Every structure is written in C-alpha cells, then in structure tokens.
Amino acid sequence: IINGPIIEQGLNCHKYRFKLNTLDLRNVDAEVDRYIKMIASALMTPNQARNKLGLGKPYIGGNKYYMKSGMEEVGEEELEKREDKFIKAMEELTEGINKLAEDDFFKEVGKDEGESED
C-alpha cells in the first residue's frame, strides 16, 4: 500500500498527482465514446473534450458546438409529413383549376362583365 508518508518521506516528494485513468485502456475508450456522444449532442465542444482527455493544444474551430442534423421525430417521418402536405396542396390546386376550366364559371364571369358595362 502506497500512502502519503511513503511518498513524501521515503521519496522526498512533496508534490504529486495520481493519474489513474491511463492504467486501463478500456476506461479511456469508454471515456472517448462518452465525449464523442457529448460533442454530437452539442453538450460540449471538441476542444473541451480534448482538454478533458489531455490531448494538448486546442485547434482552430474547435470551440464551436455541433449537433447531428439527421435527427427525426419519433413516429411518422418528417419527409412523409411534407409529402402529405404537398400532395394535399396539389389536389387543392387541381380542384381549383378544374373549377376555373368549367364552362359555367367563364359564362358567369362574362355575364358579370357584360352587366357592369351597361
């Protein structure tokens, strides 16, 4: 067992710091995976993760927050919702055009114009 008196008196070392996370690479891998997820969720910047991992100087542009843009709503996909809105709008447009193309509509418009000229 290593304790304070052994280090301080036996080694004549009065300043020390234990860095335990470098002993097991599985812990480092898990830590890196955690930081990757945090960066992808905009919970931290890449430079903050580099600082936590002790990887040296920050890099240019590494202080920005990033978020994956491929996130979709749970349930019906967003693209399907947009397609449904587009199809509905096209159906309404078709109905409107069909109404305008009917002979009765143009006859009534002509009557209205003829009546206003008198």
C-alpha atoms as a PDB file:
ATOM      1  CA  ILE A   1       0.000   0.000   0.000  1.00  0.00           C
ATOM      2  CA  ILE A   2       1.298   3.379  -1.003  1.00  0.00           C
ATOM      3  CA  ASN A   3       0.391   6.240   1.266  1.00  0.00           C
ATOM      4  CA  GLY A   4       1.363   9.855   1.877  1.00  0.00           C
ATOM      5  CA  PRO A   5       4.259   9.239   4.325  1.00  0.00           C
ATOM      6  CA  ILE A   6       5.918   6.720   1.995  1.00  0.00           C
ATOM      7  CA  ILE A   7       5.813   9.118  -0.928  1.00  0.00           C
ATOM      8  CA  GLU A   8       6.645  12.273   0.995  1.00  0.00           C
ATOM      9  CA  GLN A   9       9.275  10.901   3.384  1.00  0.00           C
ATOM     10  CA  GLY A  10      10.577   7.875   1.515  1.00  0.00           C
ATOM     11  CA  LEU A  11      10.804   9.504  -1.901  1.00  0.00           C
ATOM     12  CA  ASN A  12      11.225  13.074  -0.650  1.00  0.00           C
ATOM     13  CA  CYS A  13       8.393  14.078  -2.962  1.00  0.00           C
ATOM     14  CA  HIS A  14       6.030  16.702  -1.604  1.00  0.00           C
ATOM     15  CA  LYS A  15       4.060  17.386  -4.785  1.00  0.00           C
ATOM     16  CA  TYR A  16       2.393  14.525  -6.598  1.00  0.00           C
ATOM     17  CA  ARG A  17      -0.715  13.692  -8.525  1.00  0.00           C
ATOM     18  CA  PHE A  18      -2.111  10.296  -9.423  1.00  0.00           C
ATOM     19  CA  LYS A  19      -3.424   9.836 -12.923  1.00  0.00           C
ATOM     20  CA  LEU A  20      -5.342   6.582 -12.738  1.00  0.00           C
ATOM     21  CA  ASN A  21      -7.321   6.643 -15.984  1.00  0.00           C
ATOM     22  CA  THR A  22      -4.226   5.800 -18.067  1.00  0.00           C
ATOM     23  CA  LEU A  23      -3.872   2.384 -16.434  1.00  0.00           C
ATOM     24  CA  ASP A  24      -6.787   0.711 -18.229  1.00  0.00           C
ATOM     25  CA  LEU A  25      -7.330   1.404 -21.939  1.00  0.00           C
ATOM     26  CA  ARG A  26     -10.921   0.167 -21.743  1.00  0.00           C
ATOM     27  CA  ASN A  27     -11.698   3.122 -19.483  1.00  0.00           C
ATOM     28  CA  VAL A  28     -10.093   5.500 -21.982  1.00  0.00           C
ATOM     29  CA  ASP A  29     -12.145   4.004 -24.822  1.00  0.00           C
ATOM     30  CA  ALA A  30     -15.350   4.408 -22.814  1.00  0.00           C
ATOM     31  CA  GLU A  31     -14.371   7.968 -21.921  1.00  0.00           C
ATOM     32  CA  VAL A  32     -13.674   8.831 -25.568  1.00  0.00           C
ATOM     33  CA  ASP A  33     -17.016   7.320 -26.634  1.00  0.00           C
ATOM     34  CA  ARG A  34     -18.765   9.391 -23.976  1.00  0.00           C
ATOM     35  CA  TYR A  35     -17.105  12.593 -25.236  1.00  0.00           C
ATOM     36  CA  ILE A  36     -17.987  11.747 -28.852  1.00  0.00           C
ATOM     37  CA  LYS A  37     -21.640  11.430 -27.855  1.00  0.00           C
ATOM     38  CA  MET A  38     -21.474  14.672 -25.879  1.00  0.00           C
ATOM     39  CA  ILE A  39     -19.955  16.515 -28.849  1.00  0.00           C
ATOM     40  CA  ALA A  40     -22.583  15.077 -31.227  1.00  0.00           C
ATOM     41  CA  SER A  41     -25.338  16.225 -28.846  1.00  0.00           C
ATOM     42  CA  ALA A  42     -23.904  19.757 -28.528  1.00  0.00           C
ATOM     43  CA  LEU A  43     -23.204  19.258 -24.832  1.00  0.00           C
ATOM     44  CA  MET A  44     -19.531  20.164 -25.236  1.00  0.00           C
ATOM     45  CA  THR A  45     -17.143  21.423 -27.903  1.00  0.00           C
ATOM     46  CA  PRO A  46     -14.362  19.318 -29.425  1.00  0.00           C
ATOM     47  CA  ASN A  47     -11.769  21.484 -27.672  1.00  0.00           C
ATOM     48  CA  GLN A  48     -13.443  20.891 -24.306  1.00  0.00           C
ATOM     49  CA  ALA A  49     -13.214  17.141 -24.924  1.00  0.00           C
ATOM     50  CA  ARG A  50      -9.558  17.462 -25.977  1.00  0.00           C
ATOM     51  CA  ASN A  51      -8.847  19.371 -22.774  1.00  0.00           C
ATOM     52  CA  LYS A  52     -10.543  16.698 -20.630  1.00  0.00           C
ATOM     53  CA  LEU A  53      -8.545  13.967 -22.383  1.00  0.00           C
ATOM     54  CA  GLY A  54      -5.279  15.902 -22.047  1.00  0.00           C
ATOM     55  CA  LEU A  55      -4.606  15.923 -25.793  1.00  0.00           C
ATOM     56  CA  GLY A  56      -2.730  19.211 -25.872  1.00  0.00           C
ATOM     57  CA  LYS A  57      -3.458  22.500 -27.570  1.00  0.00           C
ATOM     58  CA  PRO A  58      -6.974  23.271 -28.814  1.00  0.00           C
ATOM     59  CA  TYR A  59      -7.423  23.526 -32.555  1.00  0.00           C
ATOM     60  CA  ILE A  60      -8.928  26.355 -34.591  1.00  0.00           C
ATOM     61  CA  GLY A  61     -12.701  25.997 -34.913  1.00  0.00           C
ATOM     62  CA  GLY A  62     -12.851  23.501 -32.069  1.00  0.00           C
ATOM     63  CA  ASN A  63     -14.775  25.844 -29.768  1.00  0.00           C
ATOM     64  CA  LYS A  64     -17.998  25.518 -31.772  1.00  0.00           C
ATOM     65  CA  TYR A  65     -20.905  23.323 -30.739  1.00  0.00           C
ATOM     66  CA  TYR A  66     -22.052  20.687 -33.217  1.00  0.00           C
ATOM     67  CA  MET A  67     -25.251  18.676 -33.457  1.00  0.00           C
ATOM     68  CA  LYS A  68     -26.156  15.892 -35.840  1.00  0.00           C
ATOM     69  CA  SER A  69     -28.683  17.157 -38.345  1.00  0.00           C
ATOM     70  CA  GLY A  70     -30.186  13.771 -39.154  1.00  0.00           C
ATOM     71  CA  MET A  71     -32.435  13.729 -36.127  1.00  0.00           C
ATOM     72  CA  GLU A  72     -36.011  12.739 -36.916  1.00  0.00           C
ATOM     73  CA  GLU A  73     -39.227  12.889 -34.970  1.00  0.00           C
ATOM     74  CA  VAL A  74     -40.259   9.620 -33.392  1.00  0.00           C
ATOM     75  CA  GLY A  75     -43.143   8.009 -35.245  1.00  0.00           C
ATOM     76  CA  GLU A  76     -44.070   9.333 -38.665  1.00  0.00           C
ATOM     77  CA  GLU A  77     -41.043  10.517 -40.584  1.00  0.00           C
ATOM     78  CA  GLU A  78     -40.773  14.225 -41.311  1.00  0.00           C
ATOM     79  CA  LEU A  79     -40.366  13.621 -45.045  1.00  0.00           C
ATOM     80  CA  GLU A  80     -43.660  11.734 -45.173  1.00  0.00           C
ATOM     81  CA  LYS A  81     -45.385  14.638 -43.427  1.00  0.00           C
ATOM     82  CA  ARG A  82     -44.020  17.071 -46.019  1.00  0.00           C
ATOM     83  CA  GLU A  83     -45.038  14.757 -48.857  1.00  0.00           C
ATOM     84  CA  ASP A  84     -48.580  14.550 -47.454  1.00  0.00           C
ATOM     85  CA  LYS A  85     -48.813  18.358 -47.268  1.00  0.00           C
ATOM     86  CA  PHE A  86     -47.509  18.657 -50.835  1.00  0.00           C
ATOM     87  CA  ILE A  87     -49.979  16.070 -52.158  1.00  0.00           C
ATOM     88  CA  LYS A  88     -52.874  17.832 -50.403  1.00  0.00           C
ATOM     89  CA  ALA A  89     -51.808  21.200 -51.833  1.00  0.00           C
ATOM     90  CA  MET A  90     -51.570  19.713 -55.334  1.00  0.00           C
ATOM     91  CA  GLU A  91     -55.046  18.166 -55.012  1.00  0.00           C
ATOM     92  CA  GLU A  92     -56.488  21.528 -53.922  1.00  0.00           C
ATOM     93  CA  LEU A  93     -54.725  23.244 -56.826  1.00  0.00           C
ATOM     94  CA  THR A  94     -56.125  20.674 -59.268  1.00  0.00           C
ATOM     95  CA  GLU A  95     -59.645  21.224 -57.907  1.00  0.00           C
ATOM     96  CA  GLY A  96     -59.236  24.973 -58.311  1.00  0.00           C
ATOM     97  CA  ILE A  97     -58.022  24.626 -61.889  1.00  0.00           C
ATOM     98  CA  ASN A  98     -60.897  22.266 -62.716  1.00  0.00           C
ATOM     99  CA  LYS A  99     -63.356  24.814 -61.330  1.00  0.00           C
ATOM    100  CA  LEU A 100     -61.836  27.546 -63.493  1.00  0.00           C
ATOM    101  CA  ALA A 101     -61.916  25.301 -66.556  1.00  0.00           C
ATOM    102  CA  GLU A 102     -65.663  24.647 -66.275  1.00  0.00           C
ATOM    103  CA  ASP A 103     -67.753  26.442 -68.915  1.00  0.00           C
ATOM    104  CA  ASP A 104     -70.276  27.722 -66.378  1.00  0.00           C
ATOM    105  CA  PHE A 105     -67.613  29.665 -64.497  1.00  0.00           C
ATOM    106  CA  PHE A 106     -66.442  31.516 -67.606  1.00  0.00           C
ATOM    107  CA  LYS A 107     -70.023  32.210 -68.715  1.00  0.00           C
ATOM    108  CA  GLU A 108     -70.833  33.711 -65.322  1.00  0.00           C
ATOM    109  CA  VAL A 109     -67.690  35.824 -65.432  1.00  0.00           C
ATOM    110  CA  GLY A 110     -68.694  37.072 -68.890  1.00  0.00           C
ATOM    111  CA  LYS A 111     -72.207  37.907 -67.681  1.00  0.00           C
ATOM    112  CA  ASP A 112     -70.838  39.868 -64.759  1.00  0.00           C
ATOM    113  CA  GLU A 113     -68.558  41.832 -67.042  1.00  0.00           C
ATOM    114  CA  GLY A 114     -71.367  42.430 -69.550  1.00  0.00           C
ATOM    115  CA  GLU A 115     -73.727  43.649 -66.861  1.00  0.00           C
ATOM    116  CA  SER A 116     -71.211  46.099 -65.495  1.00  0.00           C
ATOM    117  CA  GLU A 117     -70.700  47.719 -68.906  1.00  0.00           C
ATOM    118  CA  ASP A 118     -74.379  48.742 -69.241  1.00  0.00           C
END
